[in-house]
PDB file of N, CA and C in Angstrom:
ATOM      1  N   UNK A   1      60.867  63.660  10.889  1.00  0.00           N
ATOM      2  CA  UNK A   1      60.552  64.952  11.467  1.00  0.00           C
ATOM      3  C   UNK A   1      59.064  64.958  11.835  1.00  0.00           C
ATOM      4  N   UNK A   2      58.765  65.317  13.071  1.00  0.00           N
ATOM      5  CA  UNK A   2      57.372  65.313  13.481  1.00  0.00           C
ATOM      6  C   UNK A   2      56.678  66.613  13.058  1.00  0.00           C
ATOM      7  N   UNK A   3      55.361  66.641  13.252  1.00  0.00           N
ATOM      8  CA  UNK A   3      54.575  67.789  12.789  1.00  0.00           C
ATOM      9  C   UNK A   3      54.959  69.091  13.492  1.00  0.00           C
ATOM     10  N   UNK A   4      55.241  69.009  14.774  1.00  0.00           N
ATOM     11  CA  UNK A   4      55.592  70.218  15.521  1.00  0.00           C
ATOM     12  C   UNK A   4      56.883  70.827  14.992  1.00  0.00           C
ATOM     13  N   UNK A   5      57.895  69.997  14.756  1.00  0.00           N
ATOM     14  CA  UNK A   5      59.166  70.492  14.227  1.00  0.00           C
ATOM     15  C   UNK A   5      58.978  71.096  12.841  1.00  0.00           C
ATOM     16  N   UNK A   6      58.167  70.425  12.014  1.00  0.00           N
ATOM     17  CA  UNK A   6      57.931  70.911  10.662  1.00  0.00           C
ATOM     18  C   UNK A   6      57.212  72.266  10.718  1.00  0.00           C
ATOM     19  N   UNK A   7      56.234  72.388  11.590  1.00  0.00           N
ATOM     20  CA  UNK A   7      55.510  73.638  11.738  1.00  0.00           C
ATOM     21  C   UNK A   7      56.444  74.754  12.214  1.00  0.00           C
ATOM     22  N   UNK A   8      57.294  74.453  13.172  1.00  0.00           N
ATOM     23  CA  UNK A   8      58.236  75.452  13.671  1.00  0.00           C
ATOM     24  C   UNK A   8      59.227  75.855  12.588  1.00  0.00           C
ATOM     25  N   UNK A   9      59.644  74.902  11.754  1.00  0.00           N
ATOM     26  CA  UNK A   9      60.549  75.219  10.640  1.00  0.00           C
ATOM     27  C   UNK A   9      59.884  76.156   9.636  1.00  0.00           C
ATOM     28  N   UNK A  10      58.627  75.886   9.332  1.00  0.00           N
ATOM     29  CA  UNK A  10      57.888  76.744   8.389  1.00  0.00           C
ATOM     30  C   UNK A  10      57.739  78.142   8.959  1.00  0.00           C
ATOM     31  N   UNK A  11      57.341  78.233  10.224  1.00  0.00           N
ATOM     32  CA  UNK A  11      57.200  79.546  10.858  1.00  0.00           C
ATOM     33  C   UNK A  11      58.547  80.250  10.980  1.00  0.00           C
ATOM     34  N   UNK A  12      59.609  79.490  11.219  1.00  0.00           N
ATOM     35  CA  UNK A  12      60.954  80.070  11.272  1.00  0.00           C
ATOM     36  C   UNK A  12      61.353  80.658   9.929  1.00  0.00           C
ATOM     37  N   UNK A  13      61.034  79.932   8.851  1.00  0.00           N
ATOM     38  CA  UNK A  13      61.324  80.433   7.514  1.00  0.00           C
ATOM     39  C   UNK A  13      60.545  81.728   7.259  1.00  0.00           C
ATOM     40  N   UNK A  14      59.267  81.728   7.633  1.00  0.00           N
ATOM     41  CA  UNK A  14      58.443  82.910   7.416  1.00  0.00           C
ATOM     42  C   UNK A  14      58.970  84.092   8.237  1.00  0.00           C
ATOM     43  N   UNK A  15      59.331  83.833   9.485  1.00  0.00           N
ATOM     44  CA  UNK A  15      59.866  84.886  10.351  1.00  0.00           C
ATOM     45  C   UNK A  15      61.165  85.440   9.784  1.00  0.00           C
ATOM     46  N   UNK A  16      62.023  84.563   9.299  1.00  0.00           N
ATOM     47  CA  UNK A  16      63.283  84.990   8.697  1.00  0.00           C
ATOM     48  C   UNK A  16      63.031  85.843   7.451  1.00  0.00           C
ATOM     49  N   UNK A  17      62.078  85.432   6.634  1.00  0.00           N
ATOM     50  CA  UNK A  17      61.729  86.216   5.444  1.00  0.00           C
ATOM     51  C   UNK A  17      61.215  87.595   5.833  1.00  0.00           C
ATOM     52  N   UNK A  18      60.393  87.638   6.866  1.00  0.00           N
ATOM     53  CA  UNK A  18      59.869  88.913   7.347  1.00  0.00           C
ATOM     54  C   UNK A  18      61.006  89.809   7.834  1.00  0.00           C
ATOM     55  N   UNK A  19      61.924  89.247   8.616  1.00  0.00           N
ATOM     56  CA  UNK A  19      63.066  90.021   9.130  1.00  0.00           C
ATOM     57  C   UNK A  19      63.902  90.586   7.984  1.00  0.00           C
ATOM     58  N   UNK A  20      64.152  89.766   6.977  1.00  0.00           N
ATOM     59  CA  UNK A  20      64.936  90.230   5.823  1.00  0.00           C
ATOM     60  C   UNK A  20      64.223  91.360   5.088  1.00  0.00           C
ATOM     61  N   UNK A  21      62.912  91.234   4.941  1.00  0.00           N
ATOM     62  CA  UNK A  21      62.136  92.275   4.271  1.00  0.00           C
ATOM     63  C   UNK A  21      62.192  93.575   5.054  1.00  0.00           C
ATOM     64  N   UNK A  22      62.030  93.487   6.372  1.00  0.00           N
ATOM     65  CA  UNK A  22      62.089  94.683   7.217  1.00  0.00           C
ATOM     66  C   UNK A  22      63.471  95.324   7.127  1.00  0.00           C
ATOM     67  N   UNK A  23      64.516  94.522   7.111  1.00  0.00           N
ATOM     68  CA  UNK A  23      65.870  95.069   7.001  1.00  0.00           C
ATOM     69  C   UNK A  23      66.075  95.819   5.686  1.00  0.00           C
ATOM     70  N   UNK A  24      65.544  95.270   4.602  1.00  0.00           N
ATOM     71  CA  UNK A  24      65.664  95.943   3.302  1.00  0.00           C
ATOM     72  C   UNK A  24      64.883  97.256   3.312  1.00  0.00           C
ATOM     73  N   UNK A  25      63.700  97.239   3.889  1.00  0.00           N
ATOM     74  CA  UNK A  25      62.900  98.462   3.973  1.00  0.00           C
ATOM     75  C   UNK A  25      63.625  99.513   4.810  1.00  0.00           C
ATOM     76  N   UNK A  26      64.239  99.088   5.904  1.00  0.00           N
ATOM     77  CA  UNK A  26      64.985 100.029   6.748  1.00  0.00           C
ATOM     78  C   UNK A  26      66.176 100.626   6.003  1.00  0.00           C
ATOM     79  N   UNK A  27      66.879  99.803   5.231  1.00  0.00           N
ATOM     80  CA  UNK A  27      67.994 100.324   4.435  1.00  0.00           C
ATOM     81  C   UNK A  27      67.506 101.339   3.410  1.00  0.00           C
ATOM     82  N   UNK A  28      66.402 101.026   2.771  1.00  0.00           N
ATOM     83  CA  UNK A  28      65.825 101.948   1.795  1.00  0.00           C
ATOM     84  C   UNK A  28      65.437 103.259   2.473  1.00  0.00           C
ATOM     85  N   UNK A  29      64.807 103.152   3.648  1.00  0.00           N
ATOM     86  CA  UNK A  29      64.403 104.352   4.387  1.00  0.00           C
ATOM     87  C   UNK A  29      65.613 105.205   4.762  1.00  0.00           C
ATOM     88  N   UNK A  30      66.680 104.568   5.213  1.00  0.00           N
ATOM     89  CA  UNK A  30      67.896 105.298   5.585  1.00  0.00           C
ATOM     90  C   UNK A  30      68.479 106.038   4.382  1.00  0.00           C
ATOM     91  N   UNK A  31      68.501 105.364   3.235  1.00  0.00           N
ATOM     92  CA  UNK A  31      69.035 106.007   2.031  1.00  0.00           C
ATOM     93  C   UNK A  31      68.162 107.178   1.601  1.00  0.00           C
ATOM     94  N   UNK A  32      66.853 107.008   1.697  1.00  0.00           N
ATOM     95  CA  UNK A  32      65.942 108.098   1.345  1.00  0.00           C
ATOM     96  C   UNK A  32      66.150 109.280   2.292  1.00  0.00           C
ATOM     97  N   UNK A  33      66.335 108.996   3.575  1.00  0.00           N
ATOM     98  CA  UNK A  33      66.604 110.068   4.539  1.00  0.00           C
ATOM     99  C   UNK A  33      67.907 110.783   4.208  1.00  0.00           C
ATOM    100  N   UNK A  34      68.955 110.021   3.923  1.00  0.00           N
ATOM    101  CA  UNK A  34      70.252 110.627   3.606  1.00  0.00           C
ATOM    102  C   UNK A  34      70.170 111.524   2.377  1.00  0.00           C
ATOM    103  N   UNK A  35      69.495 111.061   1.339  1.00  0.00           N
ATOM    104  CA  UNK A  35      69.349 111.868   0.128  1.00  0.00           C
ATOM    105  C   UNK A  35      68.532 113.127   0.398  1.00  0.00           C
ATOM    106  N   UNK A  36      67.458 112.967   1.171  1.00  0.00           N
ATOM    107  CA  UNK A  36      66.616 114.121   1.476  1.00  0.00           C
ATOM    108  C   UNK A  36      67.365 115.125   2.343  1.00  0.00           C
ATOM    109  N   UNK A  37      68.115 114.642   3.326  1.00  0.00           N
ATOM    110  CA  UNK A  37      68.889 115.539   4.184  1.00  0.00           C
ATOM    111  C   UNK A  37      69.947 116.288   3.373  1.00  0.00           C
ATOM    112  N   UNK A  38      70.575 115.601   2.439  1.00  0.00           N
ATOM    113  CA  UNK A  38      71.560 116.274   1.585  1.00  0.00           C
ATOM    114  C   UNK A  38      70.888 117.351   0.744  1.00  0.00           C
ATOM    115  N   UNK A  39      69.706 117.050   0.259  1.00  0.00           N
ATOM    116  CA  UNK A  39      68.971 118.029  -0.538  1.00  0.00           C
ATOM    117  C   UNK A  39      68.567 119.237   0.289  1.00  0.00           C
ATOM    118  N   UNK A  40      68.004 119.009   1.481  1.00  0.00           N
ATOM    119  CA  UNK A  40      67.514 120.154   2.259  1.00  0.00           C
ATOM    120  C   UNK A  40      68.651 120.965   2.884  1.00  0.00           C
ATOM    121  N   UNK A  41      69.808 120.321   3.070  1.00  0.00           N
ATOM    122  CA  UNK A  41      70.957 121.061   3.601  1.00  0.00           C
ATOM    123  C   UNK A  41      71.397 122.137   2.610  1.00  0.00           C
ATOM    124  N   UNK A  42      71.314 121.803   1.342  1.00  0.00           N
ATOM    125  CA  UNK A  42      71.761 122.728   0.301  1.00  0.00           C
ATOM    126  C   UNK A  42      70.619 123.544  -0.307  1.00  0.00           C
ATOM    127  N   UNK A  43      69.465 123.548   0.352  1.00  0.00           N
ATOM    128  CA  UNK A  43      68.324 124.277  -0.210  1.00  0.00           C
ATOM    129  C   UNK A  43      68.024 125.524   0.623  1.00  0.00           C
ATOM    130  N   UNK A  44      67.102 126.280   0.132  1.00  0.00           N
ATOM    131  CA  UNK A  44      66.695 127.501   0.830  1.00  0.00           C
ATOM    132  C   UNK A  44      65.412 127.291   1.628  1.00  0.00           C
ATOM    133  N   UNK A  45      65.150 126.076   2.029  1.00  0.00           N
ATOM    134  CA  UNK A  45      63.939 125.804   2.800  1.00  0.00           C
ATOM    135  C   UNK A  45      64.006 126.497   4.156  1.00  0.00           C
ATOM    136  N   UNK A  46      62.887 126.994   4.631  1.00  0.00           N
ATOM    137  CA  UNK A  46      62.861 127.592   5.969  1.00  0.00           C
ATOM    138  C   UNK A  46      63.145 126.519   7.033  1.00  0.00           C
ATOM    139  N   UNK A  47      63.640 126.936   8.165  1.00  0.00           N
ATOM    140  CA  UNK A  47      63.973 126.002   9.241  1.00  0.00           C
ATOM    141  C   UNK A  47      62.749 125.225   9.716  1.00  0.00           C
ATOM    142  N   UNK A  48      61.582 125.870   9.706  1.00  0.00           N
ATOM    143  CA  UNK A  48      60.359 125.176  10.109  1.00  0.00           C
ATOM    144  C   UNK A  48      60.069 123.992   9.185  1.00  0.00           C
ATOM    145  N   UNK A  49      60.299 124.176   7.905  1.00  0.00           N
ATOM    146  CA  UNK A  49      60.078 123.096   6.941  1.00  0.00           C
ATOM    147  C   UNK A  49      61.063 121.956   7.168  1.00  0.00           C
ATOM    148  N   UNK A  50      62.303 122.298   7.443  1.00  0.00           N
ATOM    149  CA  UNK A  50      63.310 121.274   7.722  1.00  0.00           C
ATOM    150  C   UNK A  50      62.938 120.489   8.979  1.00  0.00           C
ATOM    151  N   UNK A  51      62.407 121.194   9.969  1.00  0.00           N
ATOM    152  CA  UNK A  51      61.997 120.536  11.207  1.00  0.00           C
ATOM    153  C   UNK A  51      60.839 119.575  10.954  1.00  0.00           C
ATOM    154  N   UNK A  52      59.897 119.972  10.119  1.00  0.00           N
ATOM    155  CA  UNK A  52      58.765 119.113   9.787  1.00  0.00           C
ATOM    156  C   UNK A  52      59.257 117.851   9.080  1.00  0.00           C
ATOM    157  N   UNK A  53      60.195 117.995   8.178  1.00  0.00           N
ATOM    158  CA  UNK A  53      60.740 116.836   7.462  1.00  0.00           C
ATOM    159  C   UNK A  53      61.434 115.892   8.435  1.00  0.00           C
ATOM    160  N   UNK A  54      62.200 116.425   9.368  1.00  0.00           N
ATOM    161  CA  UNK A  54      62.871 115.582  10.368  1.00  0.00           C
ATOM    162  C   UNK A  54      61.855 114.869  11.257  1.00  0.00           C
ATOM    163  N   UNK A  55      60.792 115.561  11.631  1.00  0.00           N
ATOM    164  CA  UNK A  55      59.734 114.927  12.423  1.00  0.00           C
ATOM    165  C   UNK A  55      59.054 113.819  11.631  1.00  0.00           C
ATOM    166  N   UNK A  56      58.906 114.021  10.346  1.00  0.00           N
ATOM    167  CA  UNK A  56      58.314 113.010   9.478  1.00  0.00           C
ATOM    168  C   UNK A  56      59.204 111.767   9.443  1.00  0.00           C
ATOM    169  N   UNK A  57      60.510 111.980   9.322  1.00  0.00           N
ATOM    170  CA  UNK A  57      61.440 110.845   9.353  1.00  0.00           C
ATOM    171  C   UNK A  57      61.330 110.084  10.669  1.00  0.00           C
ATOM    172  N   UNK A  58      61.266 110.810  11.765  1.00  0.00           N
ATOM    173  CA  UNK A  58      61.155 110.162  13.079  1.00  0.00           C
ATOM    174  C   UNK A  58      59.851 109.376  13.183  1.00  0.00           C
ATOM    175  N   UNK A  59      58.766 109.941  12.678  1.00  0.00           N
ATOM    176  CA  UNK A  59      57.486 109.241  12.666  1.00  0.00           C
ATOM    177  C   UNK A  59      57.575 107.950  11.858  1.00  0.00           C
ATOM    178  N   UNK A  60      58.237 108.005  10.710  1.00  0.00           N
ATOM    179  CA  UNK A  60      58.388 106.815   9.866  1.00  0.00           C
ATOM    180  C   UNK A  60      59.202 105.734  10.585  1.00  0.00           C
ATOM    181  N   UNK A  61      60.297 106.141  11.232  1.00  0.00           N
ATOM    182  CA  UNK A  61      61.120 105.171  11.966  1.00  0.00           C
ATOM    183  C   UNK A  61      60.319 104.526  13.094  1.00  0.00           C
ATOM    184  N   UNK A  62      59.563 105.332  13.821  1.00  0.00           N
ATOM    185  CA  UNK A  62      58.765 104.794  14.931  1.00  0.00           C
ATOM    186  C   UNK A  62      57.659 103.880  14.412  1.00  0.00           C
ATOM    187  N   UNK A  63      57.034 104.251  13.317  1.00  0.00           N
ATOM    188  CA  UNK A  63      55.979 103.412  12.727  1.00  0.00           C
ATOM    189  C   UNK A  63      56.536 102.071  12.273  1.00  0.00           C
ATOM    190  N   UNK A  64      57.710 102.089  11.660  1.00  0.00           N
ATOM    191  CA  UNK A  64      58.341 100.837  11.230  1.00  0.00           C
ATOM    192  C   UNK A  64      58.675  99.966  12.434  1.00  0.00           C
ATOM    193  N   UNK A  65      59.171 100.573  13.479  1.00  0.00           N
ATOM    194  CA  UNK A  65      59.507  99.834  14.697  1.00  0.00           C
ATOM    195  C   UNK A  65      58.254  99.233  15.332  1.00  0.00           C
ATOM    196  N   UNK A  66      57.183 100.016  15.395  1.00  0.00           N
ATOM    197  CA  UNK A  66      55.928  99.521  15.964  1.00  0.00           C
ATOM    198  C   UNK A  66      55.366  98.362  15.141  1.00  0.00           C
ATOM    199  N   UNK A  67      55.428  98.493  13.818  1.00  0.00           N
ATOM    200  CA  UNK A  67      54.934  97.439  12.942  1.00  0.00           C
ATOM    201  C   UNK A  67      55.731  96.152  13.138  1.00  0.00           C
ATOM    202  N   UNK A  68      57.055  96.281  13.181  1.00  0.00           N
ATOM    203  CA  UNK A  68      57.910  95.106  13.361  1.00  0.00           C
ATOM    204  C   UNK A  68      57.607  94.425  14.690  1.00  0.00           C
ATOM    205  N   UNK A  69      57.484  95.208  15.747  1.00  0.00           N
ATOM    206  CA  UNK A  69      57.183  94.647  17.071  1.00  0.00           C
ATOM    207  C   UNK A  69      55.828  93.945  17.073  1.00  0.00           C
ATOM    208  N   UNK A  70      54.848  94.549  16.436  1.00  0.00           N
ATOM    209  CA  UNK A  70      53.515  93.959  16.349  1.00  0.00           C
ATOM    210  C   UNK A  70      53.542  92.637  15.594  1.00  0.00           C
ATOM    211  N   UNK A  71      54.255  92.610  14.477  1.00  0.00           N
ATOM    212  CA  UNK A  71      54.359  91.371  13.691  1.00  0.00           C
ATOM    213  C   UNK A  71      55.084  90.276  14.467  1.00  0.00           C
ATOM    214  N   UNK A  72      56.151  90.626  15.160  1.00  0.00           N
ATOM    215  CA  UNK A  72      56.881  89.630  15.942  1.00  0.00           C
ATOM    216  C   UNK A  72      55.996  89.036  17.032  1.00  0.00           C
ATOM    217  N   UNK A  73      55.229  89.893  17.699  1.00  0.00           N
ATOM    218  CA  UNK A  73      54.307  89.412  18.730  1.00  0.00           C
ATOM    219  C   UNK A  73      53.258  88.499  18.112  1.00  0.00           C
ATOM    220  N   UNK A  74      52.704  88.914  16.993  1.00  0.00           N
ATOM    221  CA  UNK A  74      51.700  88.102  16.305  1.00  0.00           C
ATOM    222  C   UNK A  74      52.247  86.764  15.850  1.00  0.00           C
ATOM    223  N   UNK A  75      53.469  86.739  15.351  1.00  0.00           N
ATOM    224  CA  UNK A  75      54.071  85.476  14.901  1.00  0.00           C
ATOM    225  C   UNK A  75      54.319  84.532  16.072  1.00  0.00           C
ATOM    226  N   UNK A  76      54.724  85.068  17.215  1.00  0.00           N
ATOM    227  CA  UNK A  76      54.913  84.223  18.402  1.00  0.00           C
ATOM    228  C   UNK A  76      53.582  83.646  18.865  1.00  0.00           C
ATOM    229  N   UNK A  77      52.538  84.465  18.839  1.00  0.00           N
ATOM    230  CA  UNK A  77      51.218  83.983  19.232  1.00  0.00           C
ATOM    231  C   UNK A  77      50.715  82.938  18.245  1.00  0.00           C
ATOM    232  N   UNK A  78      50.960  83.156  16.963  1.00  0.00           N
ATOM    233  CA  UNK A  78      50.557  82.193  15.946  1.00  0.00           C
ATOM    234  C   UNK A  78      51.259  80.863  16.156  1.00  0.00           C
ATOM    235  N   UNK A  79      52.548  80.911  16.431  1.00  0.00           N
ATOM    236  CA  UNK A  79      53.295  79.680  16.672  1.00  0.00           C
ATOM    237  C   UNK A  79      52.727  78.930  17.873  1.00  0.00           C
ATOM    238  N   UNK A  80      52.473  79.651  18.959  1.00  0.00           N
ATOM    239  CA  UNK A  80      51.912  79.019  20.158  1.00  0.00           C
ATOM    240  C   UNK A  80      50.573  78.380  19.843  1.00  0.00           C
ATOM    241  N   UNK A  81      49.730  79.083  19.113  1.00  0.00           N
ATOM    242  CA  UNK A  81      48.410  78.570  18.768  1.00  0.00           C
ATOM    243  C   UNK A  81      48.503  77.346  17.869  1.00  0.00           C
ATOM    244  N   UNK A  82      49.292  77.432  16.806  1.00  0.00           N
ATOM    245  CA  UNK A  82      49.380  76.313  15.860  1.00  0.00           C
ATOM    246  C   UNK A  82      50.006  75.075  16.501  1.00  0.00           C
ATOM    247  N   UNK A  83      51.015  75.272  17.328  1.00  0.00           N
ATOM    248  CA  UNK A  83      51.646  74.134  17.994  1.00  0.00           C
ATOM    249  C   UNK A  83      50.651  73.475  18.945  1.00  0.00           C
ATOM    250  N   UNK A  84      49.777  74.258  19.557  1.00  0.00           N
ATOM    251  CA  UNK A  84      48.780  73.678  20.466  1.00  0.00           C
ATOM    252  C   UNK A  84      47.750  72.839  19.717  1.00  0.00           C
ATOM    253  N   UNK A  85      47.577  73.077  18.424  1.00  0.00           N
ATOM    254  CA  UNK A  85      46.620  72.317  17.625  1.00  0.00           C
ATOM    255  C   UNK A  85      47.156  70.965  17.176  1.00  0.00           C
ATOM    256  N   UNK A  86      48.488  70.835  17.155  1.00  0.00           N
ATOM    257  CA  UNK A  86      49.103  69.595  16.680  1.00  0.00           C
ATOM    258  C   UNK A  86      48.978  68.541  17.773  1.00  0.00           C
ATOM    259  N   UNK A  87      48.421  67.393  17.424  1.00  0.00           N
ATOM    260  CA  UNK A  87      48.321  66.333  18.429  1.00  0.00           C
ATOM    261  C   UNK A  87      49.715  65.886  18.869  1.00  0.00           C
ATOM    262  N   UNK A  88      49.830  65.414  20.088  1.00  0.00           N
ATOM    263  CA  UNK A  88      51.126  64.990  20.623  1.00  0.00           C
ATOM    264  C   UNK A  88      51.839  64.018  19.706  1.00  0.00           C
ATOM    265  N   UNK A  89      53.109  64.286  19.436  1.00  0.00           N
ATOM    266  CA  UNK A  89      53.910  63.422  18.537  1.00  0.00           C
ATOM    267  C   UNK A  89      54.633  62.369  19.322  1.00  0.00           C
TER     268      UNK A  89
END
C-alpha cells in the first residue's frame, strides 16, 4: 500500500467517525425535541413561549447542519493538501 492510499484510508476512517458522531448527536437532538414537545404540549406555557422553543430547535438544527457542512469541506481540503505533500508513489 502506498503512502497516498494509506493517507486516504486514515482520512476515510476519520471522516466515517465524524459522520457517526454527527448521526448520534442528531438522534439525541431529535429525542430531546420530542420530549420537550411532549412536555410543552401538555403544559400551560403561553403560545409565544412555545414559538420561541420551536425557533430554538430550528436554530439548533441549522447550526448542526452548518457545522457538518463546514467540517466536510475542511476534511476535503485537508485531504487535497495532505495528498499534495506526498511524493509521487
